[in-house]
């Protein structure tokens, strides 16, 4: 079983951390970005990793938690039409993109292929009480469904709560598949 993670920022890096802590043995992480000092308050990286590709740093950090974890990293910005080729062998994909256009392409392409997803919507702002989970088709969406990253501050506890709920949905899905 392979869990895909699209984006290695506040959502993706923390979901990956929770999955490693839970013993998920195989993931694929895709991101083009590098660690910046402004990321450190809410993403699973350290000061010594600034300037390095997020996917490679994340792999290093996850291996410290779960040395036997198979972490396939793809240091690449997904273009429209590439999502399926990158995630086609994944059993479920976690969406952690900031860019709404990239998010739209990912969701459309993977939905058409009937690949289950756990996505985020409305991760900014300080309102923790508004965070909830919705089910739409083969997708679970976590967030407040209102506050975009362009509209509010990125509040580390809210990012953490959303990432934890998303990881929980992934683990629930894995658990149900193993019962069959």
N, C-alpha and C. Protein backbone atom coordinates (compact mmCIF):
# COMPACT_ATOMS: atom_id res chain seq x y z
N UNK A 1 0.85 -1.18 0.00
CA UNK A 1 0.00 0.00 0.00
C UNK A 1 0.90 1.24 0.00
N UNK A 2 0.59 2.18 -0.88
CA UNK A 2 1.35 3.43 -0.97
C UNK A 2 0.39 4.59 -0.73
N UNK A 3 0.78 5.48 0.17
CA UNK A 3 0.03 6.71 0.42
C UNK A 3 0.80 7.85 -0.25
N UNK A 4 0.14 8.56 -1.16
CA UNK A 4 0.76 9.70 -1.83
C UNK A 4 0.49 10.98 -1.05
N UNK A 5 1.46 11.89 -1.09
CA UNK A 5 1.29 13.20 -0.45
C UNK A 5 1.73 14.26 -1.46
N UNK A 6 0.78 15.08 -1.86
CA UNK A 6 1.02 16.15 -2.83
C UNK A 6 1.24 17.45 -2.06
N UNK A 7 2.49 17.85 -1.93
CA UNK A 7 2.84 19.05 -1.18
C UNK A 7 3.50 18.67 0.14
N UNK A 8 4.63 19.28 0.44
CA UNK A 8 5.38 18.96 1.66
C UNK A 8 5.51 20.18 2.57
N UNK A 9 4.46 21.00 2.60
CA UNK A 9 4.46 22.17 3.47
C UNK A 9 3.83 21.87 4.81
N UNK A 10 3.06 22.81 5.33
CA UNK A 10 2.47 22.66 6.65
C UNK A 10 1.55 21.46 6.75
N UNK A 11 0.74 21.23 5.75
CA UNK A 11 -0.16 20.07 5.77
C UNK A 11 0.62 18.80 5.45
N UNK A 12 1.26 18.74 4.31
CA UNK A 12 1.91 17.51 3.87
C UNK A 12 3.00 17.01 4.78
N UNK A 13 3.86 17.91 5.27
CA UNK A 13 4.97 17.45 6.13
C UNK A 13 4.45 16.92 7.46
N UNK A 14 3.41 17.54 7.99
CA UNK A 14 2.87 17.08 9.26
C UNK A 14 2.03 15.81 9.11
N UNK A 15 1.27 15.69 8.03
CA UNK A 15 0.55 14.43 7.79
C UNK A 15 1.56 13.30 7.67
N UNK A 16 2.64 13.52 6.92
CA UNK A 16 3.68 12.49 6.76
C UNK A 16 4.28 12.11 8.12
N UNK A 17 4.51 13.08 8.97
CA UNK A 17 5.06 12.80 10.30
C UNK A 17 4.11 11.92 11.09
N UNK A 18 2.81 12.26 11.09
CA UNK A 18 1.84 11.45 11.84
C UNK A 18 1.74 10.04 11.26
N UNK A 19 1.84 9.91 9.95
CA UNK A 19 1.79 8.58 9.33
C UNK A 19 3.00 7.76 9.72
N UNK A 20 4.18 8.39 9.76
CA UNK A 20 5.39 7.67 10.21
C UNK A 20 5.24 7.24 11.67
N UNK A 21 4.71 8.13 12.50
CA UNK A 21 4.53 7.79 13.91
C UNK A 21 3.53 6.65 14.09
N UNK A 22 2.60 6.50 13.15
CA UNK A 22 1.59 5.45 13.22
C UNK A 22 2.06 4.15 12.57
N UNK A 23 3.24 4.18 11.93
CA UNK A 23 3.79 2.97 11.33
C UNK A 23 3.39 2.71 9.89
N UNK A 24 2.91 3.73 9.19
CA UNK A 24 2.63 3.57 7.76
C UNK A 24 3.97 3.36 7.07
N UNK A 25 4.07 2.29 6.31
CA UNK A 25 5.39 1.87 5.84
C UNK A 25 5.82 2.43 4.49
N UNK A 26 4.87 2.97 3.71
CA UNK A 26 5.24 3.41 2.37
C UNK A 26 4.49 4.66 1.95
N UNK A 27 5.24 5.71 1.61
CA UNK A 27 4.62 6.94 1.12
C UNK A 27 5.42 7.47 -0.07
N UNK A 28 4.75 8.31 -0.86
CA UNK A 28 5.41 9.06 -1.93
C UNK A 28 5.07 10.53 -1.71
N UNK A 29 6.09 11.37 -1.64
CA UNK A 29 5.89 12.80 -1.40
C UNK A 29 6.38 13.58 -2.62
N UNK A 30 5.52 14.49 -3.10
CA UNK A 30 5.85 15.29 -4.28
C UNK A 30 5.78 16.77 -3.91
N UNK A 31 6.87 17.49 -4.16
CA UNK A 31 6.91 18.94 -3.92
C UNK A 31 8.13 19.49 -4.64
N UNK A 32 8.06 20.74 -5.04
CA UNK A 32 9.15 21.40 -5.77
C UNK A 32 9.94 22.36 -4.90
N UNK A 33 9.42 22.68 -3.74
CA UNK A 33 9.91 23.81 -2.95
C UNK A 33 11.10 23.44 -2.06
N UNK A 34 11.71 24.48 -1.53
CA UNK A 34 12.83 24.33 -0.58
C UNK A 34 12.40 24.90 0.77
N UNK A 35 13.04 24.42 1.82
CA UNK A 35 12.73 24.88 3.17
C UNK A 35 13.20 26.33 3.33
N UNK A 36 12.31 27.16 3.88
CA UNK A 36 12.63 28.56 4.18
C UNK A 36 12.46 28.79 5.68
N UNK A 37 13.11 29.80 6.20
CA UNK A 37 13.00 30.07 7.64
C UNK A 37 11.56 30.36 8.05
N UNK A 38 10.78 30.96 7.16
CA UNK A 38 9.37 31.27 7.48
C UNK A 38 8.51 30.02 7.61
N UNK A 39 9.00 28.87 7.15
CA UNK A 39 8.25 27.61 7.24
C UNK A 39 8.34 26.96 8.61
N UNK A 40 9.37 27.28 9.37
CA UNK A 40 9.73 26.50 10.55
C UNK A 40 8.69 26.55 11.67
N UNK A 41 7.83 27.56 11.71
CA UNK A 41 6.84 27.64 12.79
C UNK A 41 5.68 26.67 12.62
N UNK A 42 5.54 26.04 11.45
CA UNK A 42 4.37 25.18 11.23
C UNK A 42 4.67 23.95 10.37
N UNK A 43 5.89 23.80 9.93
CA UNK A 43 6.24 22.67 9.07
C UNK A 43 7.29 21.80 9.77
N UNK A 44 7.38 20.55 9.38
CA UNK A 44 8.21 19.56 10.05
C UNK A 44 9.66 19.60 9.53
N UNK A 45 10.31 20.75 9.76
CA UNK A 45 11.69 20.96 9.33
C UNK A 45 12.46 21.70 10.41
N UNK A 46 13.80 21.68 10.29
CA UNK A 46 14.66 22.37 11.24
C UNK A 46 15.50 23.44 10.58
N UNK A 47 16.09 24.27 11.39
CA UNK A 47 16.92 25.40 10.92
C UNK A 47 18.04 24.89 10.01
N UNK A 48 18.64 23.75 10.35
CA UNK A 48 19.74 23.23 9.56
C UNK A 48 19.33 22.76 8.16
N UNK A 49 18.02 22.74 7.90
CA UNK A 49 17.53 22.28 6.59
C UNK A 49 17.14 23.42 5.65
N UNK A 50 17.26 24.67 6.11
CA UNK A 50 16.91 25.81 5.27
C UNK A 50 17.72 25.78 3.97
N UNK A 51 17.01 25.99 2.86
CA UNK A 51 17.63 26.02 1.54
C UNK A 51 17.64 24.69 0.82
N UNK A 52 17.37 23.60 1.54
CA UNK A 52 17.36 22.26 0.93
C UNK A 52 15.96 21.91 0.43
N UNK A 53 15.85 21.01 -0.55
CA UNK A 53 14.53 20.58 -1.03
C UNK A 53 13.70 19.97 0.11
N UNK A 54 12.45 20.40 0.21
CA UNK A 54 11.57 19.91 1.27
C UNK A 54 11.42 18.40 1.25
N UNK A 55 11.27 17.81 0.06
CA UNK A 55 11.03 16.37 0.00
C UNK A 55 12.21 15.57 0.56
N UNK A 56 13.42 16.03 0.29
CA UNK A 56 14.60 15.32 0.80
C UNK A 56 14.75 15.50 2.31
N UNK A 57 14.47 16.69 2.79
CA UNK A 57 14.52 16.94 4.24
C UNK A 57 13.44 16.14 4.96
N UNK A 58 12.26 16.10 4.36
CA UNK A 58 11.16 15.36 4.97
C UNK A 58 11.53 13.87 5.06
N UNK A 59 12.09 13.33 3.99
CA UNK A 59 12.52 11.92 4.03
C UNK A 59 13.50 11.69 5.17
N UNK A 60 14.48 12.59 5.33
CA UNK A 60 15.45 12.45 6.42
C UNK A 60 14.77 12.48 7.78
N UNK A 61 13.82 13.40 7.95
CA UNK A 61 13.13 13.55 9.23
C UNK A 61 12.25 12.33 9.54
N UNK A 62 11.58 11.81 8.52
CA UNK A 62 10.71 10.64 8.72
C UNK A 62 11.53 9.40 9.06
N UNK A 63 12.70 9.28 8.45
CA UNK A 63 13.56 8.13 8.71
C UNK A 63 14.08 8.13 10.16
N UNK A 64 14.14 9.30 10.78
CA UNK A 64 14.53 9.38 12.19
C UNK A 64 13.43 8.83 13.10
N UNK A 65 12.19 8.91 12.63
CA UNK A 65 11.04 8.39 13.38
C UNK A 65 10.86 6.90 13.09
N UNK A 66 10.92 6.54 11.83
CA UNK A 66 10.61 5.19 11.38
C UNK A 66 11.66 4.81 10.32
N UNK A 67 12.82 4.28 10.76
CA UNK A 67 13.93 4.01 9.84
C UNK A 67 13.58 3.08 8.67
N UNK A 68 12.62 2.19 8.86
CA UNK A 68 12.26 1.25 7.79
C UNK A 68 11.21 1.79 6.83
N UNK A 69 10.74 3.00 7.06
CA UNK A 69 9.73 3.58 6.19
C UNK A 69 10.31 3.79 4.79
N UNK A 70 9.56 3.38 3.78
CA UNK A 70 9.94 3.59 2.39
C UNK A 70 9.35 4.94 1.97
N UNK A 71 10.23 5.93 1.81
CA UNK A 71 9.80 7.29 1.47
C UNK A 71 10.32 7.61 0.07
N UNK A 72 9.43 7.53 -0.90
CA UNK A 72 9.76 7.87 -2.29
C UNK A 72 9.53 9.37 -2.45
N UNK A 73 10.56 10.11 -2.85
CA UNK A 73 10.42 11.55 -2.99
C UNK A 73 10.55 11.96 -4.45
N UNK A 74 9.71 12.92 -4.83
CA UNK A 74 9.73 13.47 -6.18
C UNK A 74 9.85 14.99 -6.03
N UNK A 75 11.04 15.52 -6.35
CA UNK A 75 11.28 16.96 -6.26
C UNK A 75 10.89 17.57 -7.60
N UNK A 76 9.62 17.98 -7.67
CA UNK A 76 9.06 18.40 -8.96
C UNK A 76 7.77 19.19 -8.72
N UNK A 77 7.53 20.21 -9.54
CA UNK A 77 6.26 20.93 -9.51
C UNK A 77 5.32 20.25 -10.50
N UNK A 78 4.21 19.73 -9.98
CA UNK A 78 3.25 19.05 -10.85
C UNK A 78 2.60 20.04 -11.80
N UNK A 79 2.60 19.71 -13.06
CA UNK A 79 1.92 20.51 -14.09
C UNK A 79 0.57 19.87 -14.37
N UNK A 80 -0.36 20.63 -14.93
CA UNK A 80 -1.65 20.03 -15.30
C UNK A 80 -1.44 18.78 -16.16
N UNK A 81 -2.16 17.73 -15.83
CA UNK A 81 -2.07 16.49 -16.57
C UNK A 81 -1.03 15.51 -16.04
N UNK A 82 -0.25 15.88 -15.04
CA UNK A 82 0.81 15.00 -14.51
C UNK A 82 0.41 14.23 -13.25
N UNK A 83 -0.65 14.63 -12.60
CA UNK A 83 -1.00 14.04 -11.31
C UNK A 83 -1.20 12.53 -11.38
N UNK A 84 -1.91 12.08 -12.37
CA UNK A 84 -2.19 10.65 -12.46
C UNK A 84 -0.92 9.86 -12.72
N UNK A 85 -0.04 10.36 -13.57
CA UNK A 85 1.19 9.60 -13.84
C UNK A 85 2.07 9.50 -12.59
N UNK A 86 2.05 10.51 -11.74
CA UNK A 86 2.88 10.49 -10.53
C UNK A 86 2.25 9.65 -9.43
N UNK A 87 0.92 9.68 -9.33
CA UNK A 87 0.24 9.00 -8.22
C UNK A 87 -0.56 7.77 -8.63
N UNK A 88 -0.42 7.29 -9.86
CA UNK A 88 -1.28 6.20 -10.36
C UNK A 88 -1.19 4.93 -9.54
N UNK A 89 -0.06 4.64 -8.92
CA UNK A 89 0.06 3.43 -8.12
C UNK A 89 -0.17 3.67 -6.63
N UNK A 90 -0.61 4.86 -6.28
CA UNK A 90 -0.93 5.16 -4.88
C UNK A 90 -2.36 4.72 -4.58
N UNK A 91 -2.55 4.23 -3.37
CA UNK A 91 -3.87 3.76 -2.96
C UNK A 91 -4.75 4.89 -2.46
N UNK A 92 -4.14 5.96 -1.98
CA UNK A 92 -4.83 7.15 -1.49
C UNK A 92 -3.84 8.30 -1.59
N UNK A 93 -4.33 9.51 -1.84
CA UNK A 93 -3.45 10.68 -1.95
C UNK A 93 -3.95 11.77 -1.01
N UNK A 94 -3.00 12.36 -0.29
CA UNK A 94 -3.25 13.51 0.58
C UNK A 94 -2.88 14.76 -0.20
N UNK A 95 -3.79 15.72 -0.23
CA UNK A 95 -3.55 16.99 -0.94
C UNK A 95 -3.13 18.05 0.07
N UNK A 96 -1.99 18.68 -0.19
CA UNK A 96 -1.50 19.74 0.69
C UNK A 96 -0.96 20.92 -0.09
N UNK A 97 -1.64 21.33 -1.14
CA UNK A 97 -1.19 22.44 -1.99
C UNK A 97 -1.72 23.78 -1.49
N UNK A 98 -0.91 24.83 -1.63
CA UNK A 98 -1.35 26.20 -1.36
C UNK A 98 -2.06 26.79 -2.58
N UNK A 99 -1.60 26.41 -3.75
CA UNK A 99 -2.09 26.98 -5.01
C UNK A 99 -3.44 26.36 -5.39
N UNK A 100 -4.51 27.16 -5.43
CA UNK A 100 -5.82 26.61 -5.76
C UNK A 100 -5.91 25.99 -7.16
N UNK A 101 -5.14 26.49 -8.11
CA UNK A 101 -5.16 25.93 -9.46
C UNK A 101 -4.52 24.53 -9.46
N UNK A 102 -3.40 24.39 -8.76
CA UNK A 102 -2.74 23.08 -8.66
C UNK A 102 -3.64 22.09 -7.92
N UNK A 103 -4.31 22.58 -6.87
CA UNK A 103 -5.24 21.74 -6.11
C UNK A 103 -6.37 21.25 -7.01
N UNK A 104 -6.92 22.15 -7.81
CA UNK A 104 -8.03 21.81 -8.71
C UNK A 104 -7.61 20.73 -9.70
N UNK A 105 -6.44 20.89 -10.32
CA UNK A 105 -5.96 19.90 -11.29
C UNK A 105 -5.76 18.54 -10.63
N UNK A 106 -5.14 18.53 -9.46
CA UNK A 106 -4.89 17.28 -8.74
C UNK A 106 -6.20 16.57 -8.43
N UNK A 107 -7.14 17.30 -7.85
CA UNK A 107 -8.42 16.70 -7.46
C UNK A 107 -9.18 16.19 -8.68
N UNK A 108 -9.24 16.97 -9.73
CA UNK A 108 -9.95 16.53 -10.94
C UNK A 108 -9.33 15.28 -11.56
N UNK A 109 -8.00 15.29 -11.67
CA UNK A 109 -7.32 14.17 -12.31
C UNK A 109 -7.43 12.89 -11.49
N UNK A 110 -7.27 12.98 -10.19
CA UNK A 110 -7.33 11.78 -9.36
C UNK A 110 -8.76 11.31 -9.15
N UNK A 111 -9.71 12.24 -9.09
CA UNK A 111 -11.12 11.86 -8.99
C UNK A 111 -11.56 11.07 -10.22
N UNK A 112 -11.12 11.53 -11.39
CA UNK A 112 -11.48 10.83 -12.63
C UNK A 112 -10.93 9.41 -12.65
N UNK A 113 -9.82 9.18 -11.94
CA UNK A 113 -9.22 7.84 -11.87
C UNK A 113 -9.72 7.06 -10.66
N UNK A 114 -10.65 7.65 -9.91
CA UNK A 114 -11.24 7.02 -8.72
C UNK A 114 -10.21 6.70 -7.64
N UNK A 115 -9.21 7.56 -7.49
CA UNK A 115 -8.22 7.42 -6.42
C UNK A 115 -8.73 8.21 -5.22
N UNK A 116 -8.91 7.56 -4.07
CA UNK A 116 -9.39 8.27 -2.87
C UNK A 116 -8.41 9.37 -2.47
N UNK A 117 -8.96 10.44 -1.89
CA UNK A 117 -8.15 11.58 -1.47
C UNK A 117 -8.58 12.09 -0.11
N UNK A 118 -7.62 12.72 0.57
CA UNK A 118 -7.91 13.50 1.76
C UNK A 118 -7.33 14.88 1.47
N UNK A 119 -8.19 15.91 1.49
CA UNK A 119 -7.80 17.25 1.06
C UNK A 119 -8.01 18.26 2.18
N UNK A 120 -7.42 19.44 2.00
CA UNK A 120 -7.60 20.55 2.93
C UNK A 120 -8.30 21.69 2.23
N UNK A 121 -9.15 22.40 3.00
CA UNK A 121 -9.82 23.59 2.47
C UNK A 121 -10.11 24.54 3.61
N UNK A 122 -9.46 25.68 3.59
CA UNK A 122 -9.66 26.67 4.65
C UNK A 122 -8.76 26.39 5.83
N UNK A 123 -7.43 26.60 5.63
CA UNK A 123 -6.47 26.28 6.69
C UNK A 123 -5.94 27.51 7.41
N UNK A 124 -6.27 28.70 6.93
CA UNK A 124 -5.73 29.92 7.52
C UNK A 124 -6.65 30.44 8.62
N UNK A 125 -6.18 31.45 9.31
CA UNK A 125 -6.97 32.06 10.37
C UNK A 125 -6.78 31.36 11.71
N UNK A 126 -7.39 31.94 12.74
CA UNK A 126 -7.21 31.44 14.10
C UNK A 126 -8.42 30.69 14.65
N UNK A 127 -9.48 30.58 13.87
CA UNK A 127 -10.71 29.95 14.36
C UNK A 127 -10.58 28.42 14.32
N UNK A 128 -10.27 27.84 15.46
CA UNK A 128 -10.11 26.40 15.55
C UNK A 128 -11.46 25.68 15.61
N UNK A 129 -12.48 26.36 16.14
CA UNK A 129 -13.80 25.74 16.30
C UNK A 129 -14.50 25.49 14.97
N UNK A 130 -14.09 26.17 13.92
CA UNK A 130 -14.74 26.02 12.62
C UNK A 130 -14.21 24.83 11.82
N UNK A 131 -13.14 24.20 12.28
CA UNK A 131 -12.54 23.08 11.55
C UNK A 131 -13.46 21.87 11.63
N UNK A 132 -13.72 21.27 10.48
CA UNK A 132 -14.57 20.08 10.42
C UNK A 132 -14.17 19.24 9.21
N UNK A 133 -14.81 18.09 9.08
CA UNK A 133 -14.53 17.15 7.99
C UNK A 133 -15.81 16.96 7.19
N UNK A 134 -15.66 17.00 5.87
CA UNK A 134 -16.78 16.73 4.96
C UNK A 134 -16.40 15.58 4.04
N UNK A 135 -17.39 14.85 3.61
CA UNK A 135 -17.19 13.79 2.63
C UNK A 135 -17.87 14.21 1.34
N UNK A 136 -17.11 14.21 0.26
CA UNK A 136 -17.67 14.48 -1.07
C UNK A 136 -17.14 13.38 -1.98
N UNK A 137 -18.01 12.47 -2.35
CA UNK A 137 -17.60 11.35 -3.19
C UNK A 137 -16.53 10.51 -2.50
N UNK A 138 -15.42 10.33 -3.18
CA UNK A 138 -14.32 9.51 -2.71
C UNK A 138 -13.26 10.36 -1.98
N UNK A 139 -13.68 11.51 -1.49
CA UNK A 139 -12.76 12.48 -0.89
C UNK A 139 -13.25 12.91 0.48
N UNK A 140 -12.31 13.04 1.40
CA UNK A 140 -12.57 13.65 2.71
C UNK A 140 -11.85 15.00 2.69
N UNK A 141 -12.57 16.05 3.09
CA UNK A 141 -11.99 17.39 3.07
C UNK A 141 -12.01 17.92 4.50
N UNK A 142 -10.87 18.47 4.93
CA UNK A 142 -10.71 18.95 6.30
C UNK A 142 -10.34 20.44 6.27
N UNK A 143 -10.99 21.23 7.11
CA UNK A 143 -10.67 22.65 7.24
C UNK A 143 -11.89 23.43 7.67
N UNK A 144 -11.83 24.75 7.53
CA UNK A 144 -13.00 25.57 7.86
C UNK A 144 -13.80 25.94 6.61
N UNK A 145 -13.29 25.56 5.44
CA UNK A 145 -13.97 25.74 4.15
C UNK A 145 -14.18 27.21 3.79
N UNK A 146 -13.50 28.11 4.48
CA UNK A 146 -13.70 29.53 4.26
C UNK A 146 -12.40 30.31 4.13
N UNK A 147 -11.48 30.12 5.06
CA UNK A 147 -10.32 30.99 5.19
C UNK A 147 -9.13 30.50 4.38
N UNK A 148 -8.90 31.15 3.25
CA UNK A 148 -7.81 30.82 2.35
C UNK A 148 -6.50 31.40 2.89
N UNK A 149 -5.38 30.81 2.47
CA UNK A 149 -4.08 31.29 2.92
C UNK A 149 -3.82 32.74 2.51
N UNK A 150 -4.51 33.20 1.50
CA UNK A 150 -4.35 34.60 1.07
C UNK A 150 -5.20 35.55 1.91
N UNK A 151 -6.13 34.98 2.70
CA UNK A 151 -7.07 35.80 3.46
C UNK A 151 -6.78 35.88 4.96
N UNK A 152 -5.86 35.07 5.44
CA UNK A 152 -5.62 35.07 6.88
C UNK A 152 -4.24 34.56 7.22
N UNK A 153 -3.87 34.74 8.47
CA UNK A 153 -2.59 34.30 8.97
C UNK A 153 -2.56 32.77 9.03
N UNK A 154 -1.38 32.20 8.82
CA UNK A 154 -1.21 30.77 9.00
C UNK A 154 -0.87 30.52 10.46
N UNK A 155 -1.83 30.06 11.21
CA UNK A 155 -1.76 29.86 12.65
C UNK A 155 -1.29 28.42 12.92
N UNK A 156 -0.08 28.25 13.44
CA UNK A 156 0.48 26.90 13.59
C UNK A 156 -0.45 25.88 14.27
N UNK A 157 -1.15 26.22 15.36
CA UNK A 157 -2.03 25.19 15.94
C UNK A 157 -3.15 24.73 14.99
N UNK A 158 -3.67 25.65 14.18
CA UNK A 158 -4.73 25.26 13.24
C UNK A 158 -4.17 24.34 12.16
N UNK A 159 -2.99 24.66 11.65
CA UNK A 159 -2.35 23.80 10.66
C UNK A 159 -2.15 22.41 11.26
N UNK A 160 -1.68 22.36 12.50
CA UNK A 160 -1.45 21.08 13.17
C UNK A 160 -2.72 20.28 13.36
N UNK A 161 -3.79 20.95 13.76
CA UNK A 161 -5.07 20.27 13.96
C UNK A 161 -5.59 19.69 12.64
N UNK A 162 -5.53 20.49 11.60
CA UNK A 162 -6.01 20.03 10.29
C UNK A 162 -5.17 18.86 9.80
N UNK A 163 -3.84 18.96 9.92
CA UNK A 163 -2.97 17.87 9.49
C UNK A 163 -3.24 16.60 10.30
N UNK A 164 -3.47 16.75 11.61
CA UNK A 164 -3.75 15.58 12.45
C UNK A 164 -5.07 14.93 12.05
N UNK A 165 -6.09 15.73 11.78
CA UNK A 165 -7.37 15.18 11.34
C UNK A 165 -7.23 14.49 9.98
N UNK A 166 -6.45 15.07 9.10
CA UNK A 166 -6.23 14.46 7.79
C UNK A 166 -5.51 13.12 7.94
N UNK A 167 -4.47 13.09 8.77
CA UNK A 167 -3.76 11.83 9.01
C UNK A 167 -4.71 10.80 9.62
N UNK A 168 -5.57 11.25 10.52
CA UNK A 168 -6.56 10.36 11.11
C UNK A 168 -7.47 9.75 10.06
N UNK A 169 -7.89 10.54 9.09
CA UNK A 169 -8.75 10.02 8.01
C UNK A 169 -7.99 9.00 7.16
N UNK A 170 -6.71 9.25 6.91
CA UNK A 170 -5.89 8.29 6.17
C UNK A 170 -5.81 6.98 6.95
N UNK A 171 -5.53 7.07 8.24
CA UNK A 171 -5.40 5.87 9.07
C UNK A 171 -6.72 5.11 9.18
N UNK A 172 -7.82 5.84 9.25
CA UNK A 172 -9.16 5.21 9.24
C UNK A 172 -9.35 4.42 7.94
N UNK A 173 -9.00 5.05 6.84
CA UNK A 173 -9.15 4.42 5.53
C UNK A 173 -8.29 3.16 5.44
N UNK A 174 -7.03 3.24 5.91
CA UNK A 174 -6.14 2.08 5.91
C UNK A 174 -6.73 0.96 6.76
N UNK A 175 -7.22 1.30 7.92
CA UNK A 175 -7.81 0.33 8.84
C UNK A 175 -8.99 -0.40 8.21
N UNK A 176 -9.85 0.32 7.53
CA UNK A 176 -11.01 -0.29 6.87
C UNK A 176 -10.59 -1.21 5.74
N UNK A 177 -9.56 -0.83 5.01
CA UNK A 177 -9.08 -1.68 3.92
C UNK A 177 -8.50 -2.98 4.43
N UNK A 178 -7.85 -2.93 5.58
CA UNK A 178 -7.24 -4.15 6.16
C UNK A 178 -8.29 -5.10 6.72
N UNK A 179 -9.48 -4.59 7.04
CA UNK A 179 -10.53 -5.44 7.57
C UNK A 179 -11.16 -6.29 6.49
N UNK A 180 -11.04 -5.88 5.25
CA UNK A 180 -11.71 -6.58 4.13
C UNK A 180 -10.99 -7.87 3.82
